[in-house]
N, C-alpha and C. Protein backbone atom coordinates (compact mmCIF):
# COMPACT_ATOMS: atom_id res chain seq x y z
N MET A 1 22.18 94.34 106.29
CA MET A 1 23.00 93.22 106.67
C MET A 1 24.45 93.52 106.30
N ASN A 2 25.36 93.10 107.14
CA ASN A 2 26.78 93.35 106.92
C ASN A 2 27.36 92.28 106.01
N GLU A 3 27.81 92.67 104.82
CA GLU A 3 28.32 91.72 103.82
C GLU A 3 29.69 91.18 104.19
N THR A 4 30.52 91.98 104.84
CA THR A 4 31.88 91.54 105.14
C THR A 4 31.90 90.44 106.19
N ALA A 5 30.91 90.38 107.05
CA ALA A 5 30.88 89.36 108.09
C ALA A 5 30.50 87.99 107.53
N THR A 6 29.77 87.95 106.43
CA THR A 6 29.30 86.66 105.91
C THR A 6 30.24 86.06 104.88
N THR A 7 31.04 86.87 104.20
CA THR A 7 31.92 86.33 103.17
C THR A 7 33.25 85.90 103.77
N PRO A 8 33.73 84.71 103.42
CA PRO A 8 35.01 84.27 103.96
C PRO A 8 36.16 85.01 103.29
N SER A 9 37.27 85.14 104.02
CA SER A 9 38.42 85.82 103.45
C SER A 9 39.11 84.90 102.45
N ARG A 10 39.60 85.46 101.38
CA ARG A 10 40.26 84.69 100.34
C ARG A 10 41.75 84.91 100.46
N LYS A 11 42.44 83.92 101.02
CA LYS A 11 43.88 84.02 101.19
C LYS A 11 44.56 83.17 100.14
N THR A 12 45.62 83.70 99.58
CA THR A 12 46.34 83.01 98.53
C THR A 12 47.15 81.86 99.12
N THR A 13 47.12 80.71 98.44
CA THR A 13 47.97 79.59 98.84
C THR A 13 48.90 79.26 97.68
N LYS A 14 50.11 78.83 98.00
CA LYS A 14 51.09 78.45 97.00
C LYS A 14 51.76 77.16 97.44
N VAL A 15 52.27 76.41 96.47
CA VAL A 15 53.00 75.18 96.74
C VAL A 15 54.42 75.36 96.26
N GLY A 16 55.38 75.05 97.12
CA GLY A 16 56.78 75.24 96.76
C GLY A 16 57.69 74.28 97.50
N THR A 17 58.98 74.41 97.25
CA THR A 17 60.00 73.55 97.82
C THR A 17 60.82 74.34 98.84
N VAL A 18 61.11 73.73 99.97
CA VAL A 18 61.93 74.37 100.98
C VAL A 18 63.38 74.35 100.51
N ILE A 19 63.99 75.54 100.42
CA ILE A 19 65.39 75.61 99.99
C ILE A 19 66.31 76.07 101.11
N GLY A 20 65.74 76.47 102.24
CA GLY A 20 66.55 76.89 103.37
C GLY A 20 65.78 76.75 104.66
N ALA A 21 66.43 76.18 105.69
CA ALA A 21 65.77 76.00 106.98
C ALA A 21 66.74 76.27 108.11
N LYS A 22 67.59 77.28 107.97
CA LYS A 22 68.62 77.55 108.97
C LYS A 22 68.16 78.51 110.06
N MET A 23 67.04 79.21 109.85
CA MET A 23 66.56 80.17 110.83
C MET A 23 65.58 79.50 111.78
N ALA A 24 65.40 80.08 112.95
CA ALA A 24 64.47 79.54 113.94
C ALA A 24 63.04 79.84 113.51
N LYS A 25 62.23 78.80 113.38
CA LYS A 25 60.81 78.90 113.02
C LYS A 25 60.56 79.59 111.68
N THR A 26 61.55 79.60 110.81
CA THR A 26 61.41 80.23 109.50
C THR A 26 62.03 79.33 108.44
N VAL A 27 61.35 79.18 107.31
CA VAL A 27 61.90 78.45 106.18
C VAL A 27 61.81 79.32 104.94
N THR A 28 62.73 79.09 104.02
CA THR A 28 62.70 79.77 102.73
C THR A 28 62.08 78.82 101.73
N VAL A 29 61.01 79.24 101.09
CA VAL A 29 60.26 78.40 100.15
C VAL A 29 60.39 78.99 98.76
N GLN A 30 60.77 78.15 97.79
CA GLN A 30 60.86 78.58 96.40
C GLN A 30 59.64 78.07 95.64
N VAL A 31 58.91 79.00 95.04
CA VAL A 31 57.70 78.68 94.28
C VAL A 31 58.00 78.89 92.81
N GLU A 32 57.71 77.88 92.01
CA GLU A 32 57.97 77.96 90.56
C GLU A 32 56.64 78.09 89.83
N ARG A 33 56.64 78.97 88.83
CA ARG A 33 55.42 79.23 88.06
C ARG A 33 55.76 79.19 86.59
N GLN A 34 54.91 78.57 85.80
CA GLN A 34 55.10 78.53 84.34
C GLN A 34 53.94 79.23 83.67
N PHE A 35 54.28 80.00 82.64
CA PHE A 35 53.24 80.66 81.85
C PHE A 35 53.74 80.86 80.43
N ARG A 36 52.82 81.05 79.51
CA ARG A 36 53.16 81.26 78.11
C ARG A 36 53.39 82.75 77.88
N HIS A 37 54.52 83.09 77.25
CA HIS A 37 54.82 84.48 76.95
C HIS A 37 53.78 85.02 75.98
N PRO A 38 53.22 86.20 76.25
CA PRO A 38 52.13 86.70 75.42
C PRO A 38 52.52 86.97 73.96
N LEU A 39 53.76 87.38 73.71
CA LEU A 39 54.16 87.70 72.34
C LEU A 39 54.86 86.53 71.66
N TYR A 40 55.83 85.92 72.35
CA TYR A 40 56.65 84.90 71.71
C TYR A 40 56.13 83.48 71.90
N LYS A 41 55.11 83.29 72.71
CA LYS A 41 54.43 82.01 72.90
C LYS A 41 55.33 80.92 73.48
N LYS A 42 56.44 81.30 74.06
CA LYS A 42 57.33 80.33 74.69
C LYS A 42 56.91 80.14 76.15
N ILE A 43 57.06 78.92 76.65
CA ILE A 43 56.77 78.66 78.05
C ILE A 43 57.91 79.25 78.89
N VAL A 44 57.59 80.17 79.77
CA VAL A 44 58.57 80.83 80.61
C VAL A 44 58.41 80.31 82.03
N ARG A 45 59.54 80.00 82.67
CA ARG A 45 59.52 79.49 84.03
C ARG A 45 60.11 80.55 84.95
N THR A 46 59.34 80.97 85.94
CA THR A 46 59.83 81.96 86.90
C THR A 46 59.84 81.34 88.29
N ARG A 47 60.83 81.75 89.08
CA ARG A 47 60.94 81.26 90.45
C ARG A 47 60.94 82.46 91.38
N ARG A 48 60.31 82.28 92.52
CA ARG A 48 60.26 83.34 93.52
C ARG A 48 60.40 82.71 94.89
N THR A 49 61.10 83.38 95.78
CA THR A 49 61.28 82.84 97.13
C THR A 49 60.46 83.64 98.12
N PHE A 50 59.95 82.92 99.12
CA PHE A 50 59.15 83.50 100.18
C PHE A 50 59.70 83.01 101.51
N LEU A 51 59.70 83.88 102.52
CA LEU A 51 60.00 83.45 103.87
C LEU A 51 58.69 83.07 104.52
N ALA A 52 58.62 81.86 105.08
CA ALA A 52 57.38 81.36 105.66
C ALA A 52 57.61 80.95 107.11
N HIS A 53 56.60 81.14 107.93
CA HIS A 53 56.67 80.80 109.35
C HIS A 53 56.37 79.31 109.52
N ASP A 54 57.28 78.61 110.19
CA ASP A 54 57.13 77.18 110.48
C ASP A 54 57.13 77.03 111.99
N GLU A 55 55.95 77.05 112.58
CA GLU A 55 55.82 77.08 114.04
C GLU A 55 56.46 75.87 114.71
N LEU A 56 56.27 74.69 114.15
CA LEU A 56 56.78 73.47 114.79
C LEU A 56 58.21 73.14 114.40
N GLY A 57 58.72 73.75 113.36
CA GLY A 57 60.10 73.50 112.93
C GLY A 57 60.31 72.13 112.32
N LYS A 58 59.29 71.57 111.67
CA LYS A 58 59.38 70.23 111.09
C LYS A 58 59.91 70.22 109.66
N CYS A 59 59.88 71.34 108.98
CA CYS A 59 60.29 71.38 107.57
C CYS A 59 61.79 71.24 107.44
N LYS A 60 62.20 70.47 106.42
CA LYS A 60 63.61 70.30 106.11
C LYS A 60 63.84 70.70 104.66
N VAL A 61 65.09 70.90 104.30
CA VAL A 61 65.43 71.28 102.93
C VAL A 61 65.01 70.16 101.99
N GLY A 62 64.27 70.52 100.94
CA GLY A 62 63.81 69.56 99.95
C GLY A 62 62.35 69.17 100.11
N ASP A 63 61.73 69.50 101.24
CA ASP A 63 60.32 69.19 101.44
C ASP A 63 59.45 70.05 100.54
N VAL A 64 58.34 69.48 100.09
CA VAL A 64 57.34 70.22 99.31
C VAL A 64 56.25 70.64 100.30
N VAL A 65 55.99 71.95 100.39
CA VAL A 65 55.06 72.47 101.38
C VAL A 65 54.02 73.37 100.72
N ARG A 66 52.89 73.53 101.43
CA ARG A 66 51.86 74.49 101.01
C ARG A 66 51.92 75.65 102.00
N ILE A 67 52.00 76.88 101.46
CA ILE A 67 52.05 78.06 102.30
C ILE A 67 50.81 78.91 102.04
N ILE A 68 50.40 79.67 103.04
CA ILE A 68 49.22 80.52 102.92
C ILE A 68 49.59 81.94 103.34
N GLU A 69 48.96 82.89 102.69
CA GLU A 69 49.18 84.29 103.00
C GLU A 69 48.59 84.61 104.37
N THR A 70 49.32 85.40 105.16
CA THR A 70 48.86 85.73 106.50
C THR A 70 49.28 87.15 106.86
N ARG A 71 48.99 87.56 108.07
CA ARG A 71 49.37 88.91 108.52
C ARG A 71 50.89 89.00 108.63
N PRO A 72 51.47 90.17 108.60
CA PRO A 72 52.92 90.28 108.75
C PRO A 72 53.38 89.74 110.10
N ILE A 73 54.31 88.78 110.05
CA ILE A 73 54.85 88.18 111.27
C ILE A 73 56.15 88.88 111.66
N SER A 74 56.95 89.24 110.67
CA SER A 74 58.17 89.99 110.91
C SER A 74 58.39 90.90 109.71
N ARG A 75 59.60 91.40 109.57
CA ARG A 75 59.87 92.36 108.50
C ARG A 75 59.63 91.78 107.11
N HIS A 76 60.00 90.51 106.89
CA HIS A 76 59.86 89.92 105.57
C HIS A 76 58.90 88.73 105.53
N LYS A 77 58.43 88.25 106.67
CA LYS A 77 57.56 87.07 106.69
C LYS A 77 56.10 87.48 106.61
N ARG A 78 55.44 87.04 105.54
CA ARG A 78 54.00 87.25 105.38
C ARG A 78 53.31 85.96 104.98
N TRP A 79 53.98 84.83 105.13
CA TRP A 79 53.44 83.53 104.73
C TRP A 79 53.61 82.55 105.89
N ARG A 80 52.76 81.54 105.93
CA ARG A 80 52.79 80.53 106.98
C ARG A 80 52.68 79.15 106.35
N VAL A 81 53.45 78.19 106.85
CA VAL A 81 53.39 76.82 106.35
C VAL A 81 52.11 76.18 106.87
N VAL A 82 51.28 75.69 105.94
CA VAL A 82 50.03 75.05 106.31
C VAL A 82 50.23 73.55 106.48
N GLU A 83 50.90 72.93 105.49
CA GLU A 83 51.12 71.49 105.56
C GLU A 83 52.33 71.11 104.74
N ILE A 84 52.90 69.96 105.10
CA ILE A 84 54.01 69.40 104.35
C ILE A 84 53.42 68.35 103.42
N LEU A 85 53.56 68.58 102.11
CA LEU A 85 52.96 67.68 101.12
C LEU A 85 53.86 66.50 100.80
N GLY A 86 55.16 66.73 100.73
CA GLY A 86 56.09 65.66 100.40
C GLY A 86 57.35 65.78 101.21
N LEU A 87 57.76 64.69 101.85
CA LEU A 87 58.98 64.69 102.64
C LEU A 87 60.15 64.30 101.77
N VAL A 88 61.32 64.84 102.08
CA VAL A 88 62.54 64.49 101.37
C VAL A 88 63.02 63.13 101.91
N PRO A 89 63.45 62.22 101.04
CA PRO A 89 63.96 60.93 101.52
C PRO A 89 65.23 61.12 102.35
N GLN A 90 65.49 60.18 103.27
CA GLN A 90 66.63 60.28 104.17
C GLN A 90 67.96 60.31 103.42
N SER A 91 68.09 59.52 102.34
CA SER A 91 69.35 59.47 101.60
C SER A 91 69.65 60.82 100.94
N VAL A 92 68.63 61.47 100.39
CA VAL A 92 68.81 62.77 99.76
C VAL A 92 69.13 63.81 100.83
N GLU A 93 68.50 63.69 101.98
CA GLU A 93 68.74 64.64 103.07
C GLU A 93 70.19 64.57 103.54
N LYS A 94 70.77 63.38 103.62
CA LYS A 94 72.17 63.25 104.03
C LYS A 94 73.09 63.84 102.97
N ASP A 95 72.78 63.63 101.68
CA ASP A 95 73.58 64.21 100.60
C ASP A 95 73.54 65.73 100.64
N LEU A 96 72.37 66.30 100.90
CA LEU A 96 72.23 67.75 100.98
C LEU A 96 73.05 68.30 102.13
N GLY A 97 73.05 67.59 103.25
CA GLY A 97 73.81 68.02 104.41
C GLY A 97 75.31 68.02 104.15
N GLU A 98 75.79 67.03 103.39
CA GLU A 98 77.21 66.96 103.08
C GLU A 98 77.63 68.07 102.11
N VAL A 99 76.77 68.40 101.17
CA VAL A 99 77.08 69.45 100.19
C VAL A 99 77.14 70.81 100.88
N GLN A 100 76.20 71.08 101.79
CA GLN A 100 76.15 72.38 102.46
C GLN A 100 77.27 72.56 103.45
N SER A 101 77.76 71.49 104.05
CA SER A 101 78.82 71.61 105.06
C SER A 101 80.16 71.92 104.46
């Protein structure tokens, strides 16, 4: 029996905040991770950015999204937006637009 056909693929999912949405069908997602330093026992916070494919173009700056690992879409895109978990309020969105302009 073929074992690879019966086992589902395990793709990594991450939750992060959209920090850039200026490209067509692409958003920049910042994922924050906290862990305890093995020697000094201090909580360390690390941030990493990923380029994710947003097919419908619904994501805006400040949205909280879930991304999933996928096949390479372009040179740097290997993630895809699965769902938008939290929308940015309209008042915050207008403030962000004024700061960036």
